Amino acid sequence: MPDTERLTTLTLAAAESLLKPLGFDYTLSTAAYEDSIVLHIESTDASHLIGDEGDRLDDLQYLINRLVQAEWEEAPRVRVDCDHYRERAEEKILRRARSRAQRVLETGKPLLMEKLNAYQRRLVHNALAEIPGIATASEETDSRFKRITISRVEA
């Protein structure tokens, strides 16, 4: 189990060091997440912090993790969310994945998901592993973003 207090302190300091000079109006909080924490940012400037499809939020998460790891090399990775953007995006991806899995079960024809990052692919693989008769496979490519094929398997 990681030192949650240390991780929280380092994460909040890293976030403050990035956000305060930019003049954003925000509040920060943390919550337990798997074997790490998630940093929640609430802000009236959320759209500027999130960016297009979460790209700025990804960058902010990367920078916060780099700052934390500069102080604690073995620190667990911190997830960063702003105004519950990631939470809503993950729910949306899982709804689409389950819907496609249902169509695959009905038609027997494999379907592809849109390109997803590694974390999103893990969510989809884990969620669909619970559905009997469904198999998932990520495409073999060196790209950071890959598509998942959802197919039917006979039991």
C-alpha atoms as a PDB file:
ATOM      1  CA  MET A   1       0.000   0.000   0.000  1.00  0.00           C
ATOM      2  CA  PRO A   2       1.488   3.347  -0.986  1.00  0.00           C
ATOM      3  CA  ASP A   3       2.120   6.171   1.454  1.00  0.00           C
ATOM      4  CA  THR A   4      -1.168   7.939   0.635  1.00  0.00           C
ATOM      5  CA  GLU A   5      -0.440  10.952   2.824  1.00  0.00           C
ATOM      6  CA  ARG A   6       2.905  11.584   1.120  1.00  0.00           C
ATOM      7  CA  LEU A   7       1.391  11.033  -2.327  1.00  0.00           C
ATOM      8  CA  THR A   8      -1.462  13.436  -1.545  1.00  0.00           C
ATOM      9  CA  THR A   9       0.900  16.131  -0.249  1.00  0.00           C
ATOM     10  CA  LEU A  10       3.182  15.882  -3.290  1.00  0.00           C
ATOM     11  CA  THR A  11       0.245  15.805  -5.716  1.00  0.00           C
ATOM     12  CA  LEU A  12      -1.446  18.875  -4.244  1.00  0.00           C
ATOM     13  CA  ALA A  13       1.865  20.783  -4.234  1.00  0.00           C
ATOM     14  CA  ALA A  14       2.520  19.834  -7.877  1.00  0.00           C
ATOM     15  CA  ALA A  15      -0.966  20.878  -8.953  1.00  0.00           C
ATOM     16  CA  GLU A  16      -0.700  24.184  -7.081  1.00  0.00           C
ATOM     17  CA  SER A  17       2.672  24.912  -8.670  1.00  0.00           C
ATOM     18  CA  LEU A  18       1.161  24.477 -12.135  1.00  0.00           C
ATOM     19  CA  LEU A  19      -2.287  26.019 -11.717  1.00  0.00           C
ATOM     20  CA  LYS A  20      -1.678  28.995  -9.407  1.00  0.00           C
ATOM     21  CA  PRO A  21       0.687  30.933 -11.748  1.00  0.00           C
ATOM     22  CA  LEU A  22      -1.816  30.474 -14.591  1.00  0.00           C
ATOM     23  CA  GLY A  23      -4.502  32.333 -12.642  1.00  0.00           C
ATOM     24  CA  PHE A  24      -7.173  29.637 -12.803  1.00  0.00           C
ATOM     25  CA  ASP A  25     -10.020  29.619 -10.279  1.00  0.00           C
ATOM     26  CA  TYR A  26     -10.011  26.094  -8.822  1.00  0.00           C
ATOM     27  CA  THR A  27     -10.365  23.862  -5.795  1.00  0.00           C
ATOM     28  CA  LEU A  28      -8.443  20.621  -5.334  1.00  0.00           C
ATOM     29  CA  SER A  29      -9.360  17.410  -3.554  1.00  0.00           C
ATOM     30  CA  THR A  30      -8.081  13.858  -3.590  1.00  0.00           C
ATOM     31  CA  ALA A  31      -9.713  10.465  -3.226  1.00  0.00           C
ATOM     32  CA  ALA A  32      -8.457   6.897  -3.029  1.00  0.00           C
ATOM     33  CA  TYR A  33      -8.201   5.204  -6.421  1.00  0.00           C
ATOM     34  CA  GLU A  34      -7.119   1.562  -6.772  1.00  0.00           C
ATOM     35  CA  ASP A  35      -3.616   1.602  -5.207  1.00  0.00           C
ATOM     36  CA  SER A  36      -3.098   5.329  -5.758  1.00  0.00           C
ATOM     37  CA  ILE A  37      -5.164   8.532  -5.660  1.00  0.00           C
ATOM     38  CA  VAL A  38      -7.180  10.640  -8.038  1.00  0.00           C
ATOM     39  CA  LEU A  39      -6.793  14.411  -7.951  1.00  0.00           C
ATOM     40  CA  HIS A  40     -10.119  16.168  -8.524  1.00  0.00           C
ATOM     41  CA  ILE A  41     -10.030  19.713  -9.856  1.00  0.00           C
ATOM     42  CA  GLU A  42     -13.219  21.755  -9.687  1.00  0.00           C
ATOM     43  CA  SER A  43     -12.990  24.935 -11.725  1.00  0.00           C
ATOM     44  CA  THR A  44     -15.018  27.599 -13.463  1.00  0.00           C
ATOM     45  CA  ASP A  45     -12.231  27.362 -16.069  1.00  0.00           C
ATOM     46  CA  ALA A  46     -12.776  23.623 -16.613  1.00  0.00           C
ATOM     47  CA  SER A  47     -12.999  23.815 -20.409  1.00  0.00           C
ATOM     48  CA  HIS A  48      -9.539  25.423 -20.525  1.00  0.00           C
ATOM     49  CA  LEU A  49      -8.080  22.785 -18.227  1.00  0.00           C
ATOM     50  CA  ILE A  50      -9.738  19.858 -20.018  1.00  0.00           C
ATOM     51  CA  GLY A  51      -9.069  20.950 -23.618  1.00  0.00           C
ATOM     52  CA  ASP A  52     -10.303  19.141 -26.711  1.00  0.00           C
ATOM     53  CA  GLU A  53     -11.295  15.582 -25.783  1.00  0.00           C
ATOM     54  CA  GLY A  54      -9.238  15.790 -22.588  1.00  0.00           C
ATOM     55  CA  ASP A  55      -5.893  16.509 -24.261  1.00  0.00           C
ATOM     56  CA  ARG A  56      -4.927  19.315 -21.849  1.00  0.00           C
ATOM     57  CA  LEU A  57      -6.091  17.228 -18.913  1.00  0.00           C
ATOM     58  CA  ASP A  58      -3.795  14.425 -20.145  1.00  0.00           C
ATOM     59  CA  ASP A  59      -0.923  16.923 -20.342  1.00  0.00           C
ATOM     60  CA  LEU A  60      -1.685  18.233 -16.861  1.00  0.00           C
ATOM     61  CA  GLN A  61      -1.788  14.684 -15.493  1.00  0.00           C
ATOM     62  CA  TYR A  62       1.557  13.935 -17.148  1.00  0.00           C
ATOM     63  CA  LEU A  63       3.182  17.057 -15.671  1.00  0.00           C
ATOM     64  CA  ILE A  64       1.791  16.441 -12.186  1.00  0.00           C
ATOM     65  CA  ASN A  65       3.079  12.870 -12.259  1.00  0.00           C
ATOM     66  CA  ARG A  66       6.520  14.050 -13.421  1.00  0.00           C
ATOM     67  CA  LEU A  67       6.694  16.574 -10.572  1.00  0.00           C
ATOM     68  CA  VAL A  68       5.584  13.971  -8.024  1.00  0.00           C
ATOM     69  CA  GLN A  69       8.084  11.422  -9.330  1.00  0.00           C
ATOM     70  CA  ALA A  70      10.872  14.008  -9.211  1.00  0.00           C
ATOM     71  CA  GLU A  71      10.339  14.054  -5.425  1.00  0.00           C
ATOM     72  CA  TRP A  72       9.437  10.366  -4.998  1.00  0.00           C
ATOM     73  CA  GLU A  73      10.832   8.165  -7.745  1.00  0.00           C
ATOM     74  CA  GLU A  74       8.654   5.119  -6.967  1.00  0.00           C
ATOM     75  CA  ALA A  75       5.442   7.108  -6.472  1.00  0.00           C
ATOM     76  CA  PRO A  76       2.268   5.479  -7.830  1.00  0.00           C
ATOM     77  CA  ARG A  77       0.763   7.228 -10.831  1.00  0.00           C
ATOM     78  CA  VAL A  78      -1.832   9.841  -9.958  1.00  0.00           C
ATOM     79  CA  ARG A  79      -5.016  10.212 -11.998  1.00  0.00           C
ATOM     80  CA  VAL A  80      -6.220  13.753 -12.604  1.00  0.00           C
ATOM     81  CA  ASP A  81      -9.853  14.626 -13.325  1.00  0.00           C
ATOM     82  CA  CYS A  82     -11.486  18.007 -13.800  1.00  0.00           C
ATOM     83  CA  ASP A  83     -15.186  18.567 -13.125  1.00  0.00           C
ATOM     84  CA  HIS A  84     -15.684  14.771 -13.476  1.00  0.00           C
ATOM     85  CA  TYR A  85     -14.752  14.866 -17.183  1.00  0.00           C
ATOM     86  CA  ARG A  86     -12.826  11.567 -17.117  1.00  0.00           C
ATOM     87  CA  GLU A  87     -15.529   9.861 -15.102  1.00  0.00           C
ATOM     88  CA  ARG A  88     -18.188  10.823 -17.678  1.00  0.00           C
ATOM     89  CA  ALA A  89     -15.913   9.939 -20.619  1.00  0.00           C
ATOM     90  CA  GLU A  90     -15.178   6.489 -19.169  1.00  0.00           C
ATOM     91  CA  GLU A  91     -18.874   5.798 -18.605  1.00  0.00           C
ATOM     92  CA  LYS A  92     -19.576   6.807 -22.215  1.00  0.00           C
ATOM     93  CA  ILE A  93     -16.856   4.473 -23.570  1.00  0.00           C
ATOM     94  CA  LEU A  94     -18.166   1.578 -21.478  1.00  0.00           C
ATOM     95  CA  ARG A  95     -21.762   2.177 -22.645  1.00  0.00           C
ATOM     96  CA  ARG A  96     -20.575   2.079 -26.284  1.00  0.00           C
ATOM     97  CA  ALA A  97     -18.507  -1.051 -25.650  1.00  0.00           C
ATOM     98  CA  ARG A  98     -21.393  -2.892 -23.981  1.00  0.00           C
ATOM     99  CA  SER A  99     -23.767  -1.827 -26.749  1.00  0.00           C
ATOM    100  CA  ARG A 100     -21.371  -3.120 -29.402  1.00  0.00           C
ATOM    101  CA  ALA A 101     -20.891  -6.358 -27.475  1.00  0.00           C
ATOM    102  CA  GLN A 102     -24.664  -6.841 -27.453  1.00  0.00           C
ATOM    103  CA  ARG A 103     -24.795  -6.289 -31.237  1.00  0.00           C
ATOM    104  CA  VAL A 104     -21.962  -8.787 -31.698  1.00  0.00           C
ATOM    105  CA  LEU A 105     -23.903 -11.357 -29.680  1.00  0.00           C
ATOM    106  CA  GLU A 106     -27.002 -10.716 -31.800  1.00  0.00           C
ATOM    107  CA  THR A 107     -25.341 -10.668 -35.234  1.00  0.00           C
ATOM    108  CA  GLY A 108     -22.201 -12.746 -34.729  1.00  0.00           C
ATOM    109  CA  LYS A 109     -20.236 -10.108 -36.673  1.00  0.00           C
ATOM    110  CA  PRO A 110     -17.149  -8.589 -35.010  1.00  0.00           C
ATOM    111  CA  LEU A 111     -17.170  -4.842 -34.366  1.00  0.00           C
ATOM    112  CA  LEU A 112     -14.391  -2.334 -33.756  1.00  0.00           C
ATOM    113  CA  MET A 113     -14.149   0.309 -31.042  1.00  0.00           C
ATOM    114  CA  GLU A 114     -12.693   3.724 -31.786  1.00  0.00           C
ATOM    115  CA  LYS A 115      -8.986   4.252 -31.042  1.00  0.00           C
ATOM    116  CA  LEU A 116      -8.389   4.200 -27.285  1.00  0.00           C
ATOM    117  CA  ASN A 117      -5.408   4.795 -25.024  1.00  0.00           C
ATOM    118  CA  ALA A 118      -4.024   1.980 -22.847  1.00  0.00           C
ATOM    119  CA  TYR A 119      -6.094   2.875 -19.786  1.00  0.00           C
ATOM    120  CA  GLN A 120      -9.332   3.053 -21.794  1.00  0.00           C
ATOM    121  CA  ARG A 121      -8.555  -0.271 -23.492  1.00  0.00           C
ATOM    122  CA  ARG A 122      -8.015  -1.901 -20.098  1.00  0.00           C
ATOM    123  CA  LEU A 123     -11.415  -0.603 -18.955  1.00  0.00           C
ATOM    124  CA  VAL A 124     -13.111  -2.046 -22.044  1.00  0.00           C
ATOM    125  CA  HIS A 125     -11.303  -5.409 -21.876  1.00  0.00           C
ATOM    126  CA  ASN A 126     -12.180  -5.793 -18.180  1.00  0.00           C
ATOM    127  CA  ALA A 127     -15.818  -4.757 -18.615  1.00  0.00           C
ATOM    128  CA  LEU A 128     -16.441  -7.018 -21.612  1.00  0.00           C
ATOM    129  CA  ALA A 129     -14.622  -9.978 -20.000  1.00  0.00           C
ATOM    130  CA  GLU A 130     -17.670 -10.219 -17.747  1.00  0.00           C
ATOM    131  CA  ILE A 131     -19.997 -10.854 -20.721  1.00  0.00           C
ATOM    132  CA  PRO A 132     -20.259 -14.562 -21.633  1.00  0.00           C
ATOM    133  CA  GLY A 133     -19.648 -15.253 -25.319  1.00  0.00           C
ATOM    134  CA  ILE A 134     -17.620 -12.079 -25.939  1.00  0.00           C
ATOM    135  CA  ALA A 135     -13.892 -11.840 -26.669  1.00  0.00           C
ATOM    136  CA  THR A 136     -11.806  -8.698 -27.105  1.00  0.00           C
ATOM    137  CA  ALA A 137      -8.442  -8.125 -28.766  1.00  0.00           C
ATOM    138  CA  SER A 138      -6.375  -4.986 -29.234  1.00  0.00           C
ATOM    139  CA  GLU A 139      -4.809  -4.444 -32.626  1.00  0.00           C
ATOM    140  CA  GLU A 140      -1.093  -5.142 -32.939  1.00  0.00           C
ATOM    141  CA  THR A 141       0.550  -1.789 -33.608  1.00  0.00           C
ATOM    142  CA  ASP A 142       3.153   0.459 -32.019  1.00  0.00           C
ATOM    143  CA  SER A 143       0.651   3.309 -31.820  1.00  0.00           C
ATOM    144  CA  ARG A 144      -0.288   4.658 -28.404  1.00  0.00           C
ATOM    145  CA  PHE A 145      -3.934   4.631 -29.464  1.00  0.00           C
ATOM    146  CA  LYS A 146      -5.303   1.280 -30.626  1.00  0.00           C
ATOM    147  CA  ARG A 147      -8.647  -0.180 -31.631  1.00  0.00           C
ATOM    148  CA  ILE A 148     -10.275  -3.131 -29.909  1.00  0.00           C
ATOM    149  CA  THR A 149     -12.074  -5.815 -31.892  1.00  0.00           C
ATOM    150  CA  ILE A 150     -15.109  -7.216 -30.121  1.00  0.00           C
ATOM    151  CA  SER A 151     -16.078 -10.685 -31.346  1.00  0.00           C
ATOM    152  CA  ARG A 152     -18.305 -13.578 -30.387  1.00  0.00           C
ATOM    153  CA  VAL A 153     -16.898 -16.839 -29.113  1.00  0.00           C
ATOM    154  CA  GLU A 154     -18.798 -20.075 -28.892  1.00  0.00           C
ATOM    155  CA  ALA A 155     -18.805 -21.637 -25.455  1.00  0.00           C
END
